[in-house]
Structure formats: structure tokens, C-alpha cells
Amino acid sequence: MNKCHIIGRMTKDPEVRYTQGGTAVATFTLAVDRRVAKDKPKEADFIPCVVWGKMADGVVKNCCYKGKQIAVEGRIQVRSYDAKDGSKRYVTEVIVSELELLGSKNEGADRSGNGYKPLTDDEIPF
């Protein structure tokens, strides 16, 4: 079974692109804290995530931004590609099937200058 649950904070605003067929795809990275001893400095893993379809176009595009805490559920996928130098590169990422916004409803509501505003439940497209 390939299933994962991750809670973390977005490291930057998501990048939303569209396929030639018009399907939205959003990519972002989550900073996920590691558990460490109290006397040790904090450590984090940076997990790349991919969201497809209405969730990418609606929730991720309009409600997710740098610093926002979210929970994702999905599957881990490993893919490879050939780099420009001819070497083979591998990418491990989470393909998100469920996403939940965490934190207070007003968290980040005043993000001056970037055009983001939190959606109400009635405005979410699914």
C-alpha cells in the first residue's frame, strides 16, 4: 500500500500551470519538522508535492501560500528523467489526493499586495 499523510508549512507560494488539455497542476514544497531531542536544533524535511485538477485550480491556487500550514494525503511517486548533461535524475514527490487547510481561518488574511484572499466554504469549486 502506497499512502502517506504529511503536515507541514508551504515553503513558497504554489506554482500552478495548465496542461495542453486545460487541466490544472500545482506544485509546492512542504517543510515538515522532524522530531528531535529538546536540546538539539530543529530539523525539517522538504517534501515536493503535486496536486491535479480542481483541487489545484481552486484550493491550492487561492488558499495556499508561503507559510500556510496544511495537511496532505496522497501517494509517493518516484520518476526519472534525463538531465541536459546526459545523466539520469530521480525525483520523489507526493501526488496529493486530499488537502486540508490548517490554522485559524484568518491566518494570512491580510497578505498585502499579492492578490490572495481566503475562500469561504461556498466559494470552493468542489
Protein backbone atom coordinates (compact mmCIF):
# COMPACT_ATOMS: atom_id res chain seq x y z
CA MET A 1 0.00 0.00 0.00
CA ASN A 2 1.40 3.39 -1.01
CA LYS A 3 -0.24 6.04 1.15
CA CYS A 4 1.18 8.93 3.16
CA HIS A 5 -0.10 11.69 5.43
CA ILE A 6 2.02 14.80 5.88
CA ILE A 7 1.56 18.01 7.85
CA GLY A 8 3.85 20.92 7.13
CA ARG A 9 4.21 24.53 6.06
CA MET A 10 4.49 25.71 2.50
CA THR A 11 7.99 26.95 1.68
CA LYS A 12 6.73 29.33 -1.05
CA ASP A 13 3.56 30.12 -2.96
CA PRO A 14 2.44 27.21 -5.17
CA GLU A 15 3.17 27.20 -8.89
CA VAL A 16 0.01 26.50 -10.90
CA ARG A 17 0.30 25.53 -14.55
CA TYR A 18 -2.12 24.05 -17.07
CA THR A 19 -1.67 21.08 -19.38
CA GLN A 20 -2.43 21.42 -23.09
CA GLY A 21 -5.83 19.89 -22.30
CA GLY A 22 -6.55 22.63 -19.72
CA THR A 23 -6.06 20.54 -16.56
CA ALA A 24 -4.55 22.49 -13.67
CA VAL A 25 -1.45 21.13 -11.94
CA ALA A 26 0.03 22.79 -8.86
CA THR A 27 3.44 22.10 -7.35
CA PHE A 28 4.75 23.17 -3.98
CA THR A 29 7.13 22.06 -1.26
CA LEU A 30 6.16 21.34 2.35
CA ALA A 31 8.62 21.85 5.19
CA VAL A 32 7.92 19.02 7.63
CA ASP A 33 9.50 19.19 11.08
CA ARG A 34 11.46 16.18 12.29
CA ARG A 35 11.22 15.05 15.87
CA VAL A 36 14.49 15.79 17.61
CA ALA A 37 15.66 15.91 21.22
CA LYS A 38 14.77 19.12 23.06
CA ASP A 39 18.41 20.17 23.35
CA LYS A 40 19.01 19.77 19.59
CA PRO A 41 18.26 22.37 16.89
CA LYS A 42 15.09 21.91 14.85
CA GLU A 43 15.37 19.94 11.62
CA ALA A 44 12.98 19.71 8.69
CA ASP A 45 12.48 17.67 5.55
CA PHE A 46 11.38 19.43 2.38
CA ILE A 47 8.81 17.33 0.55
CA PRO A 48 7.79 18.19 -3.04
CA CYS A 49 4.04 17.81 -3.68
CA VAL A 50 1.91 17.76 -6.84
CA VAL A 51 -1.84 18.46 -6.97
CA TRP A 52 -4.00 17.92 -10.08
CA GLY A 53 -7.38 19.13 -11.33
CA LYS A 54 -10.00 21.16 -9.49
CA MET A 55 -8.10 20.97 -6.22
CA ALA A 56 -5.07 22.60 -7.85
CA ASP A 57 -7.14 25.25 -9.60
CA GLY A 58 -9.34 26.06 -6.60
CA VAL A 59 -7.93 25.45 -3.15
CA VAL A 60 -4.21 25.44 -3.86
CA LYS A 61 -4.28 28.42 -6.24
CA ASN A 62 -6.48 30.58 -3.97
CA CYS A 63 -5.91 29.43 -0.37
CA CYS A 64 -2.33 28.16 -0.12
CA TYR A 65 0.66 30.44 0.23
CA LYS A 66 4.12 30.59 1.75
CA GLY A 67 4.00 29.78 5.47
CA LYS A 68 0.47 28.28 5.42
CA GLN A 69 0.19 25.06 7.39
CA ILE A 70 -1.57 22.27 5.51
CA ALA A 71 -2.15 18.55 5.77
CA VAL A 72 -1.94 16.37 2.67
CA GLU A 73 -2.79 12.77 1.95
CA GLY A 74 -1.52 11.04 -1.13
CA ARG A 75 0.89 8.55 -2.58
CA ILE A 76 4.64 8.68 -3.03
CA GLN A 77 5.82 8.58 -6.63
CA VAL A 78 9.35 8.23 -7.97
CA ARG A 79 10.02 9.30 -11.55
CA SER A 80 13.15 9.80 -13.58
CA TYR A 81 14.29 11.98 -16.44
CA ASP A 82 17.46 12.61 -18.43
CA ALA A 83 19.19 15.86 -17.49
CA LYS A 84 20.79 18.18 -20.06
CA ASP A 85 24.21 16.79 -19.16
CA GLY A 86 23.01 13.27 -20.07
CA SER A 87 22.79 11.96 -16.50
CA LYS A 88 19.65 10.26 -15.20
CA ARG A 89 17.87 12.17 -12.41
CA TYR A 90 15.31 10.81 -9.98
CA VAL A 91 12.52 12.78 -8.33
CA THR A 92 10.48 11.60 -5.34
CA GLU A 93 7.25 13.51 -4.74
CA VAL A 94 3.83 13.20 -3.12
CA ILE A 95 0.87 13.04 -5.51
CA VAL A 96 -1.82 14.68 -3.38
CA SER A 97 -5.33 13.20 -3.28
CA GLU A 98 -6.64 15.14 -0.24
CA LEU A 99 -5.62 18.50 1.19
CA GLU A 100 -6.75 20.22 4.37
CA LEU A 101 -6.01 23.79 5.36
CA LEU A 102 -4.84 24.09 8.97
CA GLY A 103 -4.51 27.02 11.32
CA SER A 104 -7.01 29.75 12.01
CA LYS A 105 -9.44 30.93 9.32
CA ASN A 106 -7.94 34.42 9.44
CA GLU A 107 -4.35 33.24 9.22
CA GLY A 108 -2.78 35.17 6.37
CA ALA A 109 -5.98 37.06 5.53
CA ASP A 110 -4.04 40.31 5.31
CA ARG A 111 -1.38 39.43 2.76
CA SER A 112 -0.97 42.86 1.24
CA GLY A 113 -0.02 43.13 -2.39
CA ASN A 114 -0.19 39.52 -3.52
CA GLY A 115 -3.83 39.22 -4.56
CA TYR A 116 -4.66 36.27 -2.32
CA LYS A 117 -7.79 36.14 -0.23
CA PRO A 118 -9.09 33.10 1.63
CA LEU A 119 -12.15 31.44 0.08
CA THR A 120 -15.30 30.71 2.03
CA ASP A 121 -16.73 27.18 2.01
CA ASP A 122 -19.34 28.33 -0.55
CA GLU A 123 -16.61 29.51 -2.97
CA ILE A 124 -14.62 26.25 -3.09
CA PRO A 125 -15.33 24.70 -6.50
CA PHE A 126 -15.90 21.10 -5.36
